């Protein structure tokens, strides 16, 4: 009887120990973070950073790249799929010398473009805005006076974005953007439009260099950054004359973006 009782006690102790181990394991598993929850938290962390001042950045995202749904539709999605398209864009105008030359070159090859204009330049040369639109091109806002928006106070940033040229497309000067800039752009009823190809025409490296940079990096759906203001743009106009017939022969078309004038 004693031996049976001792065996019974030993068995009960072993079962109790096993039950305790199983309970501890279950509790430990409940304290571990769920993989899906950890991934979601990590992916929601902002990754954008202000662009350094000075020259335009070399690589930019296609427009727009902001959390949530943009207020107007993406300005490049109105083009039928399957077509070879390049979106030509010109910054810092309108300029009374260079904008008409760009318009004439575009018209010569049946091309259109989107002009990201400065409020100050529009005020000085008001008639050019109508010429750009009458030729079937689009106009986007490039702020009032071309400051680096990421370095401005909230009031200054708001003024540059909300009181600039009226459009549903906005390109921040220098490509300098962050969460606050994007939030103001969206609040103003616009989408941020950057670029994919920077041929560095702003540096005036020579007509052949600008043309080579465009032709080398041309790919359907990409946005090309050029300038019709901000200085002597003779090289830009000459490069445009060189690349348009080549790209057209390759099957590209050149539509204006869907940037509605508000």
C-alpha atoms as a PDB file:
ATOM      1  CA  UNK A   1       0.000   0.000   0.000  1.00  0.00           C
ATOM      2  CA  UNK A   2       2.803   2.396   0.879  1.00  0.00           C
ATOM      3  CA  UNK A   3       4.591   1.755  -2.388  1.00  0.00           C
ATOM      4  CA  UNK A   4       1.398   2.331  -4.380  1.00  0.00           C
ATOM      5  CA  UNK A   5       0.733   5.581  -2.539  1.00  0.00           C
ATOM      6  CA  UNK A   6       4.303   6.766  -3.193  1.00  0.00           C
ATOM      7  CA  UNK A   7       3.967   5.956  -6.882  1.00  0.00           C
ATOM      8  CA  UNK A   8       0.682   7.849  -6.981  1.00  0.00           C
ATOM      9  CA  UNK A   9       2.295  10.929  -5.402  1.00  0.00           C
ATOM     10  CA  UNK A  10       5.231  10.790  -7.846  1.00  0.00           C
ATOM     11  CA  UNK A  11       2.856  10.633 -10.815  1.00  0.00           C
ATOM     12  CA  UNK A  12       0.826  13.603  -9.568  1.00  0.00           C
ATOM     13  CA  UNK A  13       3.936  15.708  -9.041  1.00  0.00           C
ATOM     14  CA  UNK A  14       5.121  14.961 -12.558  1.00  0.00           C
ATOM     15  CA  UNK A  15       1.752  15.915 -14.027  1.00  0.00           C
ATOM     16  CA  UNK A  16       1.702  19.153 -12.054  1.00  0.00           C
ATOM     17  CA  UNK A  17       5.174  20.053 -13.283  1.00  0.00           C
ATOM     18  CA  UNK A  18       4.168  19.334 -16.877  1.00  0.00           C
ATOM     19  CA  UNK A  19       1.071  21.495 -16.544  1.00  0.00           C
ATOM     20  CA  UNK A  20       3.088  24.378 -15.138  1.00  0.00           C
ATOM     21  CA  UNK A  21       5.577  24.198 -17.974  1.00  0.00           C
ATOM     22  CA  UNK A  22       2.771  24.255 -20.567  1.00  0.00           C
ATOM     23  CA  UNK A  23       1.147  27.290 -18.900  1.00  0.00           C
ATOM     24  CA  UNK A  24       4.422  29.207 -18.780  1.00  0.00           C
ATOM     25  CA  UNK A  25       5.050  28.469 -22.461  1.00  0.00           C
ATOM     26  CA  UNK A  26       1.590  29.740 -23.430  1.00  0.00           C
ATOM     27  CA  UNK A  27       2.046  32.954 -21.469  1.00  0.00           C
ATOM     28  CA  UNK A  28       5.466  33.542 -23.020  1.00  0.00           C
ATOM     29  CA  UNK A  29       4.034  33.136 -26.522  1.00  0.00           C
ATOM     30  CA  UNK A  30       1.292  35.660 -25.811  1.00  0.00           C
ATOM     31  CA  UNK A  31       3.910  38.265 -24.869  1.00  0.00           C
ATOM     32  CA  UNK A  32       5.729  37.996 -28.200  1.00  0.00           C
ATOM     33  CA  UNK A  33       4.754  40.665 -30.827  1.00  0.00           C
ATOM     34  CA  UNK A  34       2.663  39.430 -33.720  1.00  0.00           C
ATOM     35  CA  UNK A  35       4.815  39.409 -36.881  1.00  0.00           C
ATOM     36  CA  UNK A  36       2.143  41.127 -38.939  1.00  0.00           C
ATOM     37  CA  UNK A  37       1.703  43.893 -36.377  1.00  0.00           C
ATOM     38  CA  UNK A  38       5.439  44.488 -36.208  1.00  0.00           C
ATOM     39  CA  UNK A  39       5.664  44.697 -39.997  1.00  0.00           C
ATOM     40  CA  UNK A  40       2.789  47.153 -40.229  1.00  0.00           C
ATOM     41  CA  UNK A  41       4.347  49.424 -37.655  1.00  0.00           C
ATOM     42  CA  UNK A  42       7.692  49.406 -39.378  1.00  0.00           C
ATOM     43  CA  UNK A  43       6.238  50.110 -42.814  1.00  0.00           C
ATOM     44  CA  UNK A  44       4.327  53.109 -41.502  1.00  0.00           C
ATOM     45  CA  UNK A  45       7.518  54.892 -40.473  1.00  0.00           C
ATOM     46  CA  UNK A  46       8.151  57.958 -42.702  1.00  0.00           C
ATOM     47  CA  UNK A  47      11.183  57.527 -44.953  1.00  0.00           C
ATOM     48  CA  UNK A  48      11.353  60.868 -46.753  1.00  0.00           C
ATOM     49  CA  UNK A  49      13.919  63.493 -45.869  1.00  0.00           C
ATOM     50  CA  UNK A  50      14.401  67.122 -46.893  1.00  0.00           C
ATOM     51  CA  UNK A  51      16.414  67.622 -50.047  1.00  0.00           C
ATOM     52  CA  UNK A  52      19.695  69.552 -49.616  1.00  0.00           C
ATOM     53  CA  UNK A  53      19.727  73.077 -50.942  1.00  0.00           C
ATOM     54  CA  UNK A  54      21.402  74.006 -54.190  1.00  0.00           C
ATOM     55  CA  UNK A  55      21.002  72.157 -57.478  1.00  0.00           C
ATOM     56  CA  UNK A  56      18.036  69.913 -58.277  1.00  0.00           C
ATOM     57  CA  UNK A  57      18.258  66.331 -57.098  1.00  0.00           C
ATOM     58  CA  UNK A  58      19.252  63.685 -59.601  1.00  0.00           C
ATOM     59  CA  UNK A  59      16.706  60.998 -58.797  1.00  0.00           C
ATOM     60  CA  UNK A  60      13.085  61.637 -57.934  1.00  0.00           C
ATOM     61  CA  UNK A  61       9.983  59.564 -57.567  1.00  0.00           C
ATOM     62  CA  UNK A  62       7.202  59.566 -60.090  1.00  0.00           C
ATOM     63  CA  UNK A  63       4.318  61.757 -59.059  1.00  0.00           C
ATOM     64  CA  UNK A  64       2.881  61.783 -56.537  1.00  0.00           C
ATOM     65  CA  UNK A  65       4.186  59.728 -53.608  1.00  0.00           C
ATOM     66  CA  UNK A  66       2.138  60.582 -50.538  1.00  0.00           C
ATOM     67  CA  UNK A  67       0.185  58.526 -48.008  1.00  0.00           C
ATOM     68  CA  UNK A  68      -3.491  58.111 -48.762  1.00  0.00           C
ATOM     69  CA  UNK A  69      -5.359  59.102 -51.891  1.00  0.00           C
ATOM     70  CA  UNK A  70      -4.315  62.373 -53.549  1.00  0.00           C
ATOM     71  CA  UNK A  71      -6.972  65.072 -53.871  1.00  0.00           C
ATOM     72  CA  UNK A  72      -7.000  65.217 -57.710  1.00  0.00           C
ATOM     73  CA  UNK A  73      -6.075  62.114 -59.750  1.00  0.00           C
ATOM     74  CA  UNK A  74      -2.485  61.351 -60.652  1.00  0.00           C
ATOM     75  CA  UNK A  75      -1.783  63.748 -63.541  1.00  0.00           C
ATOM     76  CA  UNK A  76      -0.099  61.052 -65.648  1.00  0.00           C
ATOM     77  CA  UNK A  77      -2.778  58.333 -65.491  1.00  0.00           C
ATOM     78  CA  UNK A  78      -5.043  59.751 -68.202  1.00  0.00           C
ATOM     79  CA  UNK A  79      -2.774  58.356 -70.940  1.00  0.00           C
ATOM     80  CA  UNK A  80      -3.987  55.126 -72.511  1.00  0.00           C
ATOM     81  CA  UNK A  81      -1.969  52.087 -71.514  1.00  0.00           C
ATOM     82  CA  UNK A  82       0.335  50.581 -74.100  1.00  0.00           C
ATOM     83  CA  UNK A  83       1.456  53.891 -75.553  1.00  0.00           C
ATOM     84  CA  UNK A  84       5.071  55.035 -75.415  1.00  0.00           C
ATOM     85  CA  UNK A  85       4.898  58.386 -73.669  1.00  0.00           C
ATOM     86  CA  UNK A  86       7.335  60.855 -72.198  1.00  0.00           C
ATOM     87  CA  UNK A  87       6.187  63.729 -70.043  1.00  0.00           C
ATOM     88  CA  UNK A  88       8.272  66.792 -70.852  1.00  0.00           C
ATOM     89  CA  UNK A  89       8.268  69.444 -68.135  1.00  0.00           C
ATOM     90  CA  UNK A  90       9.753  72.936 -67.960  1.00  0.00           C
ATOM     91  CA  UNK A  91      10.434  74.871 -64.757  1.00  0.00           C
ATOM     92  CA  UNK A  92      10.983  78.484 -63.639  1.00  0.00           C
ATOM     93  CA  UNK A  93       9.091  80.314 -66.390  1.00  0.00           C
ATOM     94  CA  UNK A  94       7.358  81.826 -68.077  1.00  0.00           C
ATOM     95  CA  UNK A  95      10.219  83.729 -69.686  1.00  0.00           C
ATOM     96  CA  UNK A  96       9.619  86.149 -72.594  1.00  0.00           C
ATOM     97  CA  UNK A  97      12.734  84.946 -74.429  1.00  0.00           C
ATOM     98  CA  UNK A  98      12.805  81.193 -73.875  1.00  0.00           C
ATOM     99  CA  UNK A  99       9.204  80.112 -73.351  1.00  0.00           C
ATOM    100  CA  UNK A 100       8.107  81.117 -76.889  1.00  0.00           C
ATOM    101  CA  UNK A 101      11.085  79.245 -78.345  1.00  0.00           C
ATOM    102  CA  UNK A 102      10.222  76.117 -76.368  1.00  0.00           C
ATOM    103  CA  UNK A 103       6.594  76.407 -77.509  1.00  0.00           C
ATOM    104  CA  UNK A 104       7.644  76.753 -81.149  1.00  0.00           C
ATOM    105  CA  UNK A 105       9.898  73.697 -80.954  1.00  0.00           C
ATOM    106  CA  UNK A 106       7.205  71.602 -79.300  1.00  0.00           C
ATOM    107  CA  UNK A 107       4.655  72.638 -81.930  1.00  0.00           C
ATOM    108  CA  UNK A 108       7.073  71.766 -84.741  1.00  0.00           C
ATOM    109  CA  UNK A 109       7.039  68.104 -83.659  1.00  0.00           C
ATOM    110  CA  UNK A 110       3.464  67.874 -82.427  1.00  0.00           C
ATOM    111  CA  UNK A 111       4.597  67.612 -78.813  1.00  0.00           C
ATOM    112  CA  UNK A 112       3.110  69.038 -75.650  1.00  0.00           C
ATOM    113  CA  UNK A 113       4.550  69.659 -72.213  1.00  0.00           C
ATOM    114  CA  UNK A 114       3.756  70.778 -68.697  1.00  0.00           C
ATOM    115  CA  UNK A 115       5.149  74.114 -67.537  1.00  0.00           C
ATOM    116  CA  UNK A 116       5.728  74.512 -63.793  1.00  0.00           C
ATOM    117  CA  UNK A 117       5.595  78.269 -63.478  1.00  0.00           C
ATOM    118  CA  UNK A 118       6.511  80.744 -60.767  1.00  0.00           C
ATOM    119  CA  UNK A 119       3.916  83.185 -59.507  1.00  0.00           C
ATOM    120  CA  UNK A 120       6.307  86.111 -59.815  1.00  0.00           C
ATOM    121  CA  UNK A 121       7.119  85.260 -63.439  1.00  0.00           C
ATOM    122  CA  UNK A 122       3.440  84.876 -64.288  1.00  0.00           C
ATOM    123  CA  UNK A 123       2.755  88.329 -62.874  1.00  0.00           C
ATOM    124  CA  UNK A 124       5.585  89.899 -64.873  1.00  0.00           C
ATOM    125  CA  UNK A 125       4.677  88.134 -68.141  1.00  0.00           C
ATOM    126  CA  UNK A 126       0.964  87.447 -67.879  1.00  0.00           C
ATOM    127  CA  UNK A 127       0.389  86.980 -71.593  1.00  0.00           C
ATOM    128  CA  UNK A 128       2.701  83.966 -71.766  1.00  0.00           C
ATOM    129  CA  UNK A 129       0.452  81.883 -69.530  1.00  0.00           C
ATOM    130  CA  UNK A 130      -2.323  82.112 -72.096  1.00  0.00           C
ATOM    131  CA  UNK A 131       0.089  81.213 -74.911  1.00  0.00           C
ATOM    132  CA  UNK A 132       1.174  78.061 -73.080  1.00  0.00           C
ATOM    133  CA  UNK A 133      -2.417  76.944 -72.528  1.00  0.00           C
ATOM    134  CA  UNK A 134      -3.616  77.914 -76.004  1.00  0.00           C
ATOM    135  CA  UNK A 135      -0.987  75.622 -77.533  1.00  0.00           C
ATOM    136  CA  UNK A 136      -2.455  72.628 -75.689  1.00  0.00           C
ATOM    137  CA  UNK A 137       0.071  72.485 -72.884  1.00  0.00           C
ATOM    138  CA  UNK A 138      -0.544  72.318 -69.137  1.00  0.00           C
ATOM    139  CA  UNK A 139       0.579  74.592 -66.309  1.00  0.00           C
ATOM    140  CA  UNK A 140       1.588  73.520 -62.831  1.00  0.00           C
ATOM    141  CA  UNK A 141       2.630  75.582 -59.835  1.00  0.00           C
ATOM    142  CA  UNK A 142       6.286  75.936 -58.900  1.00  0.00           C
ATOM    143  CA  UNK A 143       5.606  78.252 -55.932  1.00  0.00           C
ATOM    144  CA  UNK A 144       5.700  82.045 -55.983  1.00  0.00           C
ATOM    145  CA  UNK A 145       9.424  82.840 -55.830  1.00  0.00           C
ATOM    146  CA  UNK A 146      11.311  79.491 -55.849  1.00  0.00           C
ATOM    147  CA  UNK A 147      12.385  79.129 -52.181  1.00  0.00           C
ATOM    148  CA  UNK A 148      13.364  75.851 -50.550  1.00  0.00           C
ATOM    149  CA  UNK A 149      10.075  75.061 -48.881  1.00  0.00           C
ATOM    150  CA  UNK A 150      11.563  72.741 -46.267  1.00  0.00           C
ATOM    151  CA  UNK A 151      13.426  75.680 -44.720  1.00  0.00           C
ATOM    152  CA  UNK A 152      10.489  78.065 -44.432  1.00  0.00           C
ATOM    153  CA  UNK A 153       8.225  78.768 -41.507  1.00  0.00           C
ATOM    154  CA  UNK A 154       4.737  77.268 -41.631  1.00  0.00           C
ATOM    155  CA  UNK A 155       3.214  80.615 -42.635  1.00  0.00           C
ATOM    156  CA  UNK A 156       5.784  81.229 -45.382  1.00  0.00           C
ATOM    157  CA  UNK A 157       5.425  77.696 -46.725  1.00  0.00           C
ATOM    158  CA  UNK A 158       1.649  78.021 -46.752  1.00  0.00           C
ATOM    159  CA  UNK A 159       1.874  81.292 -48.691  1.00  0.00           C
ATOM    160  CA  UNK A 160       4.229  79.887 -51.329  1.00  0.00           C
ATOM    161  CA  UNK A 161       2.025  76.839 -51.921  1.00  0.00           C
ATOM    162  CA  UNK A 162      -1.495  78.226 -51.547  1.00  0.00           C
ATOM    163  CA  UNK A 163      -0.968  81.593 -53.263  1.00  0.00           C
ATOM    164  CA  UNK A 164       1.133  80.498 -56.254  1.00  0.00           C
ATOM    165  CA  UNK A 165      -0.098  79.683 -59.771  1.00  0.00           C
ATOM    166  CA  UNK A 166      -3.516  78.038 -59.732  1.00  0.00           C
ATOM    167  CA  UNK A 167      -3.278  74.397 -60.763  1.00  0.00           C
ATOM    168  CA  UNK A 168      -3.876  70.888 -59.472  1.00  0.00           C
ATOM    169  CA  UNK A 169      -0.170  70.037 -59.913  1.00  0.00           C
ATOM    170  CA  UNK A 170       2.667  71.348 -57.754  1.00  0.00           C
ATOM    171  CA  UNK A 171       6.416  70.874 -58.081  1.00  0.00           C
ATOM    172  CA  UNK A 172       8.441  71.960 -55.035  1.00  0.00           C
ATOM    173  CA  UNK A 173      11.518  74.025 -55.960  1.00  0.00           C
ATOM    174  CA  UNK A 174      14.741  71.975 -55.948  1.00  0.00           C
ATOM    175  CA  UNK A 175      12.567  68.892 -55.370  1.00  0.00           C
ATOM    176  CA  UNK A 176      12.866  69.741 -51.666  1.00  0.00           C
ATOM    177  CA  UNK A 177       9.966  68.075 -49.897  1.00  0.00           C
ATOM    178  CA  UNK A 178       8.966  66.490 -46.611  1.00  0.00           C
ATOM    179  CA  UNK A 179       5.798  65.505 -44.781  1.00  0.00           C
ATOM    180  CA  UNK A 180       4.815  69.112 -44.007  1.00  0.00           C
ATOM    181  CA  UNK A 181       5.311  70.233 -47.600  1.00  0.00           C
ATOM    182  CA  UNK A 182       3.288  67.299 -48.923  1.00  0.00           C
ATOM    183  CA  UNK A 183       0.521  67.959 -46.399  1.00  0.00           C
ATOM    184  CA  UNK A 184       0.234  71.604 -47.501  1.00  0.00           C
ATOM    185  CA  UNK A 185       0.232  70.615 -51.175  1.00  0.00           C
ATOM    186  CA  UNK A 186      -2.594  68.168 -50.547  1.00  0.00           C
ATOM    187  CA  UNK A 187      -4.518  70.687 -48.424  1.00  0.00           C
ATOM    188  CA  UNK A 188      -4.277  73.157 -51.316  1.00  0.00           C
ATOM    189  CA  UNK A 189      -5.994  70.638 -53.604  1.00  0.00           C
ATOM    190  CA  UNK A 190      -2.879  69.692 -55.542  1.00  0.00           C
ATOM    191  CA  UNK A 191      -0.622  66.688 -56.039  1.00  0.00           C
ATOM    192  CA  UNK A 192       3.169  66.742 -55.830  1.00  0.00           C
ATOM    193  CA  UNK A 193       4.908  66.160 -59.171  1.00  0.00           C
ATOM    194  CA  UNK A 194       8.641  65.472 -59.192  1.00  0.00           C
ATOM    195  CA  UNK A 195      10.651  63.901 -62.029  1.00  0.00           C
ATOM    196  CA  UNK A 196      12.495  60.797 -63.200  1.00  0.00           C
ATOM    197  CA  UNK A 197      15.073  62.224 -65.616  1.00  0.00           C
ATOM    198  CA  UNK A 198      17.237  65.264 -64.886  1.00  0.00           C
ATOM    199  CA  UNK A 199      19.414  66.045 -67.923  1.00  0.00           C
ATOM    200  CA  UNK A 200      21.063  68.871 -65.927  1.00  0.00           C
ATOM    201  CA  UNK A 201      20.137  71.574 -68.412  1.00  0.00           C
ATOM    202  CA  UNK A 202      20.040  74.005 -65.471  1.00  0.00           C
ATOM    203  CA  UNK A 203      23.850  73.712 -65.311  1.00  0.00           C
ATOM    204  CA  UNK A 204      24.243  74.447 -69.043  1.00  0.00           C
ATOM    205  CA  UNK A 205      26.680  71.552 -69.667  1.00  0.00           C
ATOM    206  CA  UNK A 206      26.317  71.826 -73.444  1.00  0.00           C
ATOM    207  CA  UNK A 207      23.580  70.950 -75.929  1.00  0.00           C
ATOM    208  CA  UNK A 208      25.008  67.510 -76.745  1.00  0.00           C
ATOM    209  CA  UNK A 209      25.255  66.564 -73.067  1.00  0.00           C
ATOM    210  CA  UNK A 210      21.645  67.545 -72.390  1.00  0.00           C
ATOM    211  CA  UNK A 211      20.429  65.653 -75.458  1.00  0.00           C
ATOM    212  CA  UNK A 212      22.480  62.584 -74.566  1.00  0.00           C
ATOM    213  CA  UNK A 213      21.155  62.539 -71.013  1.00  0.00           C
ATOM    214  CA  UNK A 214      17.561  62.628 -72.229  1.00  0.00           C
ATOM    215  CA  UNK A 215      17.987  59.976 -74.932  1.00  0.00           C
ATOM    216  CA  UNK A 216      19.934  57.663 -72.630  1.00  0.00           C
ATOM    217  CA  UNK A 217      17.329  57.706 -69.871  1.00  0.00           C
ATOM    218  CA  UNK A 218      14.153  57.951 -71.921  1.00  0.00           C
ATOM    219  CA  UNK A 219      11.635  55.281 -70.968  1.00  0.00           C
ATOM    220  CA  UNK A 220       7.892  55.212 -71.364  1.00  0.00           C
ATOM    221  CA  UNK A 221       6.051  56.920 -68.536  1.00  0.00           C
ATOM    222  CA  UNK A 222       9.018  58.907 -67.286  1.00  0.00           C
ATOM    223  CA  UNK A 223       8.972  62.611 -66.477  1.00  0.00           C
ATOM    224  CA  UNK A 224      11.805  64.724 -67.900  1.00  0.00           C
ATOM    225  CA  UNK A 225      12.914  67.879 -66.088  1.00  0.00           C
ATOM    226  CA  UNK A 226      13.965  70.893 -68.151  1.00  0.00           C
ATOM    227  CA  UNK A 227      13.813  74.675 -67.777  1.00  0.00           C
ATOM    228  CA  UNK A 228      12.371  77.563 -69.775  1.00  0.00           C
ATOM    229  CA  UNK A 229      13.303  80.154 -67.155  1.00  0.00           C
ATOM    230  CA  UNK A 230      15.952  80.957 -64.582  1.00  0.00           C
ATOM    231  CA  UNK A 231      18.699  81.955 -67.015  1.00  0.00           C
ATOM    232  CA  UNK A 232      19.936  81.459 -70.544  1.00  0.00           C
ATOM    233  CA  UNK A 233      18.130  78.392 -71.927  1.00  0.00           C
ATOM    234  CA  UNK A 234      19.556  78.356 -75.446  1.00  0.00           C
ATOM    235  CA  UNK A 235      21.123  74.940 -74.806  1.00  0.00           C
ATOM    236  CA  UNK A 236      17.790  73.548 -73.623  1.00  0.00           C
ATOM    237  CA  UNK A 237      15.991  74.746 -76.753  1.00  0.00           C
ATOM    238  CA  UNK A 238      18.735  73.353 -78.997  1.00  0.00           C
ATOM    239  CA  UNK A 239      18.719  69.994 -77.177  1.00  0.00           C
ATOM    240  CA  UNK A 240      14.934  69.803 -77.486  1.00  0.00           C
ATOM    241  CA  UNK A 241      15.310  70.311 -81.225  1.00  0.00           C
ATOM    242  CA  UNK A 242      17.708  67.359 -81.331  1.00  0.00           C
ATOM    243  CA  UNK A 243      15.850  64.842 -79.169  1.00  0.00           C
ATOM    244  CA  UNK A 244      12.255  65.303 -80.296  1.00  0.00           C
ATOM    245  CA  UNK A 245      12.651  63.892 -83.837  1.00  0.00           C
ATOM    246  CA  UNK A 246      14.700  60.971 -82.514  1.00  0.00           C
ATOM    247  CA  UNK A 247      12.198  60.081 -79.796  1.00  0.00           C
ATOM    248  CA  UNK A 248       9.268  60.575 -82.147  1.00  0.00           C
ATOM    249  CA  UNK A 249      10.877  58.127 -84.596  1.00  0.00           C
ATOM    250  CA  UNK A 250      11.123  55.645 -81.726  1.00  0.00           C
ATOM    251  CA  UNK A 251       7.360  55.818 -81.284  1.00  0.00           C
ATOM    252  CA  UNK A 252       7.111  58.207 -78.355  1.00  0.00           C
ATOM    253  CA  UNK A 253       4.335  60.722 -77.917  1.00  0.00           C
ATOM    254  CA  UNK A 254       4.498  63.751 -75.649  1.00  0.00           C
ATOM    255  CA  UNK A 255       1.246  64.572 -73.862  1.00  0.00           C
ATOM    256  CA  UNK A 256       0.684  67.322 -71.358  1.00  0.00           C
ATOM    257  CA  UNK A 257      -0.171  66.213 -67.831  1.00  0.00           C
ATOM    258  CA  UNK A 258      -3.677  66.412 -66.477  1.00  0.00           C
ATOM    259  CA  UNK A 259      -3.099  69.571 -64.441  1.00  0.00           C
ATOM    260  CA  UNK A 260      -6.373  71.421 -64.252  1.00  0.00           C
ATOM    261  CA  UNK A 261      -6.337  75.182 -63.893  1.00  0.00           C
ATOM    262  CA  UNK A 262      -8.306  76.225 -60.799  1.00  0.00           C
END
